[in-house]
Amino acid sequence: WTPLQRSVLTKLTFVGAGASLCALLVTLMLFTMLDIPKSDRTSIHKNLFIALTAAQVVLLCSGSATSNKVVCTVVAALLHLFFMAAFSWMLVEGLLLWSKVVIVNLSEERHMKYYYLIGWGLPVLVVAITLVSASRNYTADDHCWLSVQNGVIWGFAGPVIFIVMVNVMILARVVAITISTAKRRSVLLALGSSPSEQALEQIR
């Protein structure tokens, strides 16, 4: 990269991160001010927004940390943690959708604690393992992020690819079930079955 390209890329990054942060803050304010009913979905959305907001704040402050190796490592670890948490909460979104459509009898209250464990516990575990296994080569030479040259970036890219694949499979399964349910419902309507029979068939 030439100095001009680096300068343009840095400015674009800060503009994009700033715009994203403003949108996230507005969203969090709306969640706080509006009387939105409490539910698993609302809690998951809030945690996702918190993770993204924290990541954008750290990203905006990361430019001044490159001169100090220790501070730069801390910033990279925080970015790793919060961006990993954002993807983990996206995984939780997929699991919640799965529980609503595929496993209709799943108890929300009993499983929310597992959602928190996945949303925040998994990122902490991933970051800790990556730091321990690559403490000296954790960050890149010229910016506060995971090193690509030493393969440390896979401590982020690997889990993200896994999460995306799981969510794609969940989406495919949910779409298949939705289409199948719609077809069965149309057949029942054509046969003139009662609403209770239609509801029973939908549960099946």
C-alpha atoms as a PDB file:
ATOM      1  CA  TRP A   1       0.000   0.000   0.000  1.00  0.00           C
ATOM      2  CA  THR A   2       1.202   3.522  -0.827  1.00  0.00           C
ATOM      3  CA  PRO A   3       0.950   6.274   1.819  1.00  0.00           C
ATOM      4  CA  LEU A   4      -1.895   7.875  -0.152  1.00  0.00           C
ATOM      5  CA  GLN A   5      -3.830   4.614  -0.307  1.00  0.00           C
ATOM      6  CA  ARG A   6      -3.337   4.069   3.429  1.00  0.00           C
ATOM      7  CA  SER A   7      -4.556   7.585   4.158  1.00  0.00           C
ATOM      8  CA  VAL A   8      -7.676   7.170   2.015  1.00  0.00           C
ATOM      9  CA  LEU A   9      -8.402   3.746   3.521  1.00  0.00           C
ATOM     10  CA  THR A  10      -7.995   5.104   7.058  1.00  0.00           C
ATOM     11  CA  LYS A  11     -10.358   7.998   6.383  1.00  0.00           C
ATOM     12  CA  LEU A  12     -12.961   5.711   4.814  1.00  0.00           C
ATOM     13  CA  THR A  13     -12.689   3.354   7.786  1.00  0.00           C
ATOM     14  CA  PHE A  14     -13.268   6.151  10.285  1.00  0.00           C
ATOM     15  CA  VAL A  15     -16.174   7.585   8.290  1.00  0.00           C
ATOM     16  CA  GLY A  16     -17.821   4.176   8.012  1.00  0.00           C
ATOM     17  CA  ALA A  17     -17.202   3.317  11.666  1.00  0.00           C
ATOM     18  CA  GLY A  18     -18.524   6.713  12.758  1.00  0.00           C
ATOM     19  CA  ALA A  19     -21.703   6.334  10.711  1.00  0.00           C
ATOM     20  CA  SER A  20     -22.196   2.806  12.045  1.00  0.00           C
ATOM     21  CA  LEU A  21     -21.668   3.987  15.621  1.00  0.00           C
ATOM     22  CA  CYS A  22     -24.242   6.768  15.242  1.00  0.00           C
ATOM     23  CA  ALA A  23     -26.818   4.330  13.863  1.00  0.00           C
ATOM     24  CA  LEU A  24     -26.130   1.855  16.675  1.00  0.00           C
ATOM     25  CA  LEU A  25     -26.461   4.540  19.350  1.00  0.00           C
ATOM     26  CA  VAL A  26     -29.774   5.694  17.886  1.00  0.00           C
ATOM     27  CA  THR A  27     -30.990   2.093  17.858  1.00  0.00           C
ATOM     28  CA  LEU A  28     -29.963   1.549  21.483  1.00  0.00           C
ATOM     29  CA  MET A  29     -31.714   4.795  22.460  1.00  0.00           C
ATOM     30  CA  LEU A  30     -34.901   3.627  20.754  1.00  0.00           C
ATOM     31  CA  PHE A  31     -34.709   0.302  22.577  1.00  0.00           C
ATOM     32  CA  THR A  32     -34.330   2.197  25.862  1.00  0.00           C
ATOM     33  CA  MET A  33     -36.951   4.896  25.295  1.00  0.00           C
ATOM     34  CA  LEU A  34     -39.678   2.867  23.610  1.00  0.00           C
ATOM     35  CA  ASP A  35     -41.849   0.517  25.611  1.00  0.00           C
ATOM     36  CA  ILE A  36     -40.739  -2.663  23.856  1.00  0.00           C
ATOM     37  CA  PRO A  37     -41.969  -5.891  25.500  1.00  0.00           C
ATOM     38  CA  LYS A  38     -39.178  -7.926  27.069  1.00  0.00           C
ATOM     39  CA  SER A  39     -38.394 -11.173  25.285  1.00  0.00           C
ATOM     40  CA  ASP A  40     -35.481 -13.381  24.299  1.00  0.00           C
ATOM     41  CA  ARG A  41     -35.394 -11.739  20.882  1.00  0.00           C
ATOM     42  CA  THR A  42     -35.202  -8.244  22.390  1.00  0.00           C
ATOM     43  CA  SER A  43     -32.411  -9.273  24.775  1.00  0.00           C
ATOM     44  CA  ILE A  44     -30.450 -10.853  21.928  1.00  0.00           C
ATOM     45  CA  HIS A  45     -30.838  -7.732  19.777  1.00  0.00           C
ATOM     46  CA  LYS A  46     -29.632  -5.524  22.631  1.00  0.00           C
ATOM     47  CA  ASN A  47     -26.555  -7.651  23.251  1.00  0.00           C
ATOM     48  CA  LEU A  48     -25.756  -7.688  19.536  1.00  0.00           C
ATOM     49  CA  PHE A  49     -26.008  -3.895  19.371  1.00  0.00           C
ATOM     50  CA  ILE A  50     -23.878  -3.521  22.519  1.00  0.00           C
ATOM     51  CA  ALA A  51     -21.156  -5.739  21.041  1.00  0.00           C
ATOM     52  CA  LEU A  52     -21.162  -3.826  17.748  1.00  0.00           C
ATOM     53  CA  THR A  53     -21.182  -0.446  19.521  1.00  0.00           C
ATOM     54  CA  ALA A  54     -18.217  -1.407  21.702  1.00  0.00           C
ATOM     55  CA  ALA A  55     -16.346  -2.703  18.649  1.00  0.00           C
ATOM     56  CA  GLN A  56     -16.893   0.541  16.727  1.00  0.00           C
ATOM     57  CA  VAL A  57     -15.784   2.667  19.700  1.00  0.00           C
ATOM     58  CA  VAL A  58     -12.566   0.665  20.067  1.00  0.00           C
ATOM     59  CA  LEU A  59     -12.005   0.802  16.306  1.00  0.00           C
ATOM     60  CA  LEU A  60     -12.298   4.598  16.282  1.00  0.00           C
ATOM     61  CA  CYS A  61      -9.747   4.801  19.112  1.00  0.00           C
ATOM     62  CA  SER A  62      -7.343   2.269  17.611  1.00  0.00           C
ATOM     63  CA  GLY A  63      -5.468   4.708  15.392  1.00  0.00           C
ATOM     64  CA  SER A  64      -3.540   6.248  18.288  1.00  0.00           C
ATOM     65  CA  ALA A  65      -2.485   2.889  19.766  1.00  0.00           C
ATOM     66  CA  THR A  66      -0.087   1.710  17.066  1.00  0.00           C
ATOM     67  CA  SER A  67       2.959   3.356  18.662  1.00  0.00           C
ATOM     68  CA  ASN A  68       2.730   1.240  21.837  1.00  0.00           C
ATOM     69  CA  LYS A  69       2.990  -2.537  21.423  1.00  0.00           C
ATOM     70  CA  VAL A  70       1.201  -3.397  24.675  1.00  0.00           C
ATOM     71  CA  VAL A  71      -1.654  -0.940  24.102  1.00  0.00           C
ATOM     72  CA  CYS A  72      -1.943  -2.091  20.496  1.00  0.00           C
ATOM     73  CA  THR A  73      -2.248  -5.710  21.635  1.00  0.00           C
ATOM     74  CA  VAL A  74      -4.968  -4.755  24.126  1.00  0.00           C
ATOM     75  CA  VAL A  75      -6.865  -2.857  21.408  1.00  0.00           C
ATOM     76  CA  ALA A  76      -6.553  -5.791  19.002  1.00  0.00           C
ATOM     77  CA  ALA A  77      -7.804  -8.181  21.694  1.00  0.00           C
ATOM     78  CA  LEU A  78     -10.799  -5.936  22.428  1.00  0.00           C
ATOM     79  CA  LEU A  79     -11.625  -5.675  18.728  1.00  0.00           C
ATOM     80  CA  HIS A  80     -11.279  -9.436  18.442  1.00  0.00           C
ATOM     81  CA  LEU A  81     -13.547  -9.918  21.456  1.00  0.00           C
ATOM     82  CA  PHE A  82     -16.338  -7.532  20.469  1.00  0.00           C
ATOM     83  CA  PHE A  83     -16.469  -8.457  16.777  1.00  0.00           C
ATOM     84  CA  MET A  84     -16.399 -12.127  17.776  1.00  0.00           C
ATOM     85  CA  ALA A  85     -19.226 -11.403  20.234  1.00  0.00           C
ATOM     86  CA  ALA A  86     -21.251  -9.758  17.457  1.00  0.00           C
ATOM     87  CA  PHE A  87     -20.997 -12.888  15.325  1.00  0.00           C
ATOM     88  CA  SER A  88     -21.718 -15.082  18.351  1.00  0.00           C
ATOM     89  CA  TRP A  89     -24.943 -13.190  18.998  1.00  0.00           C
ATOM     90  CA  MET A  90     -25.807 -13.615  15.314  1.00  0.00           C
ATOM     91  CA  LEU A  91     -25.385 -17.344  15.922  1.00  0.00           C
ATOM     92  CA  VAL A  92     -27.737 -17.022  18.890  1.00  0.00           C
ATOM     93  CA  GLU A  93     -30.240 -15.285  16.589  1.00  0.00           C
ATOM     94  CA  GLY A  94     -30.111 -18.336  14.353  1.00  0.00           C
ATOM     95  CA  LEU A  95     -30.506 -20.716  17.288  1.00  0.00           C
ATOM     96  CA  LEU A  96     -33.509 -18.738  18.526  1.00  0.00           C
ATOM     97  CA  LEU A  97     -35.101 -18.944  15.073  1.00  0.00           C
ATOM     98  CA  TRP A  98     -34.425 -22.685  15.081  1.00  0.00           C
ATOM     99  CA  SER A  99     -36.076 -23.049  18.483  1.00  0.00           C
ATOM    100  CA  LYS A 100     -39.156 -21.111  17.347  1.00  0.00           C
ATOM    101  CA  VAL A 101     -39.698 -22.956  14.078  1.00  0.00           C
ATOM    102  CA  VAL A 102     -38.139 -26.407  14.464  1.00  0.00           C
ATOM    103  CA  ILE A 103     -38.301 -27.094  18.224  1.00  0.00           C
ATOM    104  CA  VAL A 104     -41.567 -25.361  19.091  1.00  0.00           C
ATOM    105  CA  ASN A 105     -41.735 -26.643  22.680  1.00  0.00           C
ATOM    106  CA  LEU A 106     -38.355 -25.228  23.776  1.00  0.00           C
ATOM    107  CA  SER A 107     -38.535 -23.210  27.014  1.00  0.00           C
ATOM    108  CA  GLU A 108     -37.258 -19.644  26.594  1.00  0.00           C
ATOM    109  CA  GLU A 109     -36.481 -18.922  30.239  1.00  0.00           C
ATOM    110  CA  ARG A 110     -34.513 -22.127  30.703  1.00  0.00           C
ATOM    111  CA  HIS A 111     -32.311 -21.564  27.649  1.00  0.00           C
ATOM    112  CA  MET A 112     -31.568 -17.833  27.804  1.00  0.00           C
ATOM    113  CA  LYS A 113     -28.612 -18.470  30.108  1.00  0.00           C
ATOM    114  CA  TYR A 114     -27.104 -20.709  27.425  1.00  0.00           C
ATOM    115  CA  TYR A 115     -27.579 -17.929  24.896  1.00  0.00           C
ATOM    116  CA  TYR A 116     -25.559 -15.593  27.125  1.00  0.00           C
ATOM    117  CA  LEU A 117     -22.895 -18.281  27.462  1.00  0.00           C
ATOM    118  CA  ILE A 118     -22.630 -18.555  23.684  1.00  0.00           C
ATOM    119  CA  GLY A 119     -22.897 -14.804  23.052  1.00  0.00           C
ATOM    120  CA  TRP A 120     -20.197 -13.710  25.506  1.00  0.00           C
ATOM    121  CA  GLY A 121     -18.507 -16.864  26.771  1.00  0.00           C
ATOM    122  CA  LEU A 122     -17.538 -18.217  23.353  1.00  0.00           C
ATOM    123  CA  PRO A 123     -15.768 -14.971  22.281  1.00  0.00           C
ATOM    124  CA  VAL A 124     -13.827 -14.818  25.561  1.00  0.00           C
ATOM    125  CA  LEU A 125     -12.711 -18.420  25.065  1.00  0.00           C
ATOM    126  CA  VAL A 126     -11.667 -17.837  21.440  1.00  0.00           C
ATOM    127  CA  VAL A 127      -9.710 -14.669  22.273  1.00  0.00           C
ATOM    128  CA  ALA A 128      -8.025 -16.316  25.267  1.00  0.00           C
ATOM    129  CA  ILE A 129      -6.920 -19.334  23.229  1.00  0.00           C
ATOM    130  CA  THR A 130      -5.646 -17.115  20.404  1.00  0.00           C
ATOM    131  CA  LEU A 131      -3.718 -14.871  22.800  1.00  0.00           C
ATOM    132  CA  VAL A 132      -2.103 -17.786  24.608  1.00  0.00           C
ATOM    133  CA  SER A 133      -1.121 -19.583  21.408  1.00  0.00           C
ATOM    134  CA  ALA A 134       0.210 -16.480  19.610  1.00  0.00           C
ATOM    135  CA  SER A 135       1.022 -13.911  22.290  1.00  0.00           C
ATOM    136  CA  ARG A 136       4.171 -12.591  20.574  1.00  0.00           C
ATOM    137  CA  ASN A 137       2.742 -12.498  17.042  1.00  0.00           C
ATOM    138  CA  TYR A 138      -0.843 -11.567  17.899  1.00  0.00           C
ATOM    139  CA  THR A 139      -0.988  -8.174  16.152  1.00  0.00           C
ATOM    140  CA  ALA A 140       0.049  -6.975  12.713  1.00  0.00           C
ATOM    141  CA  ASP A 141       3.139  -4.806  12.306  1.00  0.00           C
ATOM    142  CA  ASP A 142       1.433  -1.615  11.146  1.00  0.00           C
ATOM    143  CA  HIS A 143      -2.037  -1.676  12.732  1.00  0.00           C
ATOM    144  CA  CYS A 144      -3.838  -2.994  15.804  1.00  0.00           C
ATOM    145  CA  TRP A 145      -5.531  -6.070  14.436  1.00  0.00           C
ATOM    146  CA  LEU A 146      -4.787  -9.774  14.153  1.00  0.00           C
ATOM    147  CA  SER A 147      -1.696 -10.686  12.181  1.00  0.00           C
ATOM    148  CA  VAL A 148      -2.350 -12.100   8.724  1.00  0.00           C
ATOM    149  CA  GLN A 149       1.249 -13.061   8.008  1.00  0.00           C
ATOM    150  CA  ASN A 150       1.453 -15.383  11.024  1.00  0.00           C
ATOM    151  CA  GLY A 151      -2.002 -16.897  10.532  1.00  0.00           C
ATOM    152  CA  VAL A 152      -3.410 -15.399  13.750  1.00  0.00           C
ATOM    153  CA  ILE A 153      -6.297 -13.984  11.731  1.00  0.00           C
ATOM    154  CA  TRP A 154      -7.760 -17.508  11.641  1.00  0.00           C
ATOM    155  CA  GLY A 155      -8.523 -17.094  15.329  1.00  0.00           C
ATOM    156  CA  PHE A 156     -11.267 -14.783  14.062  1.00  0.00           C
ATOM    157  CA  ALA A 157     -11.948 -15.964  10.513  1.00  0.00           C
ATOM    158  CA  GLY A 158     -12.297 -19.639  11.467  1.00  0.00           C
ATOM    159  CA  PRO A 159     -15.091 -19.183  14.046  1.00  0.00           C
ATOM    160  CA  VAL A 160     -16.824 -16.622  11.805  1.00  0.00           C
ATOM    161  CA  ILE A 161     -16.884 -19.045   8.856  1.00  0.00           C
ATOM    162  CA  PHE A 162     -18.290 -21.737  11.155  1.00  0.00           C
ATOM    163  CA  ILE A 163     -21.013 -19.391  12.457  1.00  0.00           C
ATOM    164  CA  VAL A 164     -21.997 -18.313   8.941  1.00  0.00           C
ATOM    165  CA  MET A 165     -22.219 -21.956   7.815  1.00  0.00           C
ATOM    166  CA  VAL A 166     -24.391 -22.885  10.817  1.00  0.00           C
ATOM    167  CA  ASN A 167     -26.720 -19.929  10.217  1.00  0.00           C
ATOM    168  CA  VAL A 168     -27.006 -20.786   6.519  1.00  0.00           C
ATOM    169  CA  MET A 169     -27.975 -24.375   7.415  1.00  0.00           C
ATOM    170  CA  ILE A 170     -30.495 -23.103   9.972  1.00  0.00           C
ATOM    171  CA  LEU A 171     -31.994 -20.724   7.410  1.00  0.00           C
ATOM    172  CA  ALA A 172     -32.241 -23.492   4.808  1.00  0.00           C
ATOM    173  CA  ARG A 173     -33.967 -25.793   7.292  1.00  0.00           C
ATOM    174  CA  VAL A 174     -36.392 -23.078   8.430  1.00  0.00           C
ATOM    175  CA  VAL A 175     -37.273 -22.175   4.832  1.00  0.00           C
ATOM    176  CA  ALA A 176     -37.869 -25.855   4.024  1.00  0.00           C
ATOM    177  CA  ILE A 177     -40.152 -26.263   7.050  1.00  0.00           C
ATOM    178  CA  THR A 178     -42.033 -23.049   6.235  1.00  0.00           C
ATOM    179  CA  ILE A 179     -42.645 -24.143   2.640  1.00  0.00           C
ATOM    180  CA  SER A 180     -43.718 -27.622   3.769  1.00  0.00           C
ATOM    181  CA  THR A 181     -46.105 -26.161   6.353  1.00  0.00           C
ATOM    182  CA  ALA A 182     -47.611 -23.779   3.794  1.00  0.00           C
ATOM    183  CA  LYS A 183     -48.198 -26.659   1.376  1.00  0.00           C
ATOM    184  CA  ARG A 184     -49.882 -28.787   4.050  1.00  0.00           C
ATOM    185  CA  ARG A 185     -52.038 -25.848   5.086  1.00  0.00           C
ATOM    186  CA  SER A 186     -53.151 -25.220   1.507  1.00  0.00           C
ATOM    187  CA  VAL A 187     -54.068 -28.907   1.142  1.00  0.00           C
ATOM    188  CA  LEU A 188     -56.069 -28.824   4.380  1.00  0.00           C
ATOM    189  CA  LEU A 189     -57.862 -25.674   3.267  1.00  0.00           C
ATOM    190  CA  ALA A 190     -58.709 -27.320  -0.035  1.00  0.00           C
ATOM    191  CA  LEU A 191     -60.116 -30.330   1.824  1.00  0.00           C
ATOM    192  CA  GLY A 192     -62.136 -28.058   4.117  1.00  0.00           C
ATOM    193  CA  SER A 193     -60.629 -29.194   7.430  1.00  0.00           C
ATOM    194  CA  SER A 194     -61.426 -27.378  10.679  1.00  0.00           C
ATOM    195  CA  PRO A 195     -59.115 -24.688  12.172  1.00  0.00           C
ATOM    196  CA  SER A 196     -58.174 -27.028  15.054  1.00  0.00           C
ATOM    197  CA  GLU A 197     -57.077 -29.717  12.618  1.00  0.00           C
ATOM    198  CA  GLN A 198     -55.042 -27.162  10.699  1.00  0.00           C
ATOM    199  CA  ALA A 199     -53.309 -26.039  13.890  1.00  0.00           C
ATOM    200  CA  LEU A 200     -52.540 -29.658  14.827  1.00  0.00           C
ATOM    201  CA  GLU A 201     -51.097 -30.347  11.399  1.00  0.00           C
ATOM    202  CA  GLN A 202     -48.942 -27.206  11.611  1.00  0.00           C
ATOM    203  CA  ILE A 203     -47.437 -28.406  14.906  1.00  0.00           C
ATOM    204  CA  ARG A 204     -46.610 -31.744  13.314  1.00  0.00           C
END
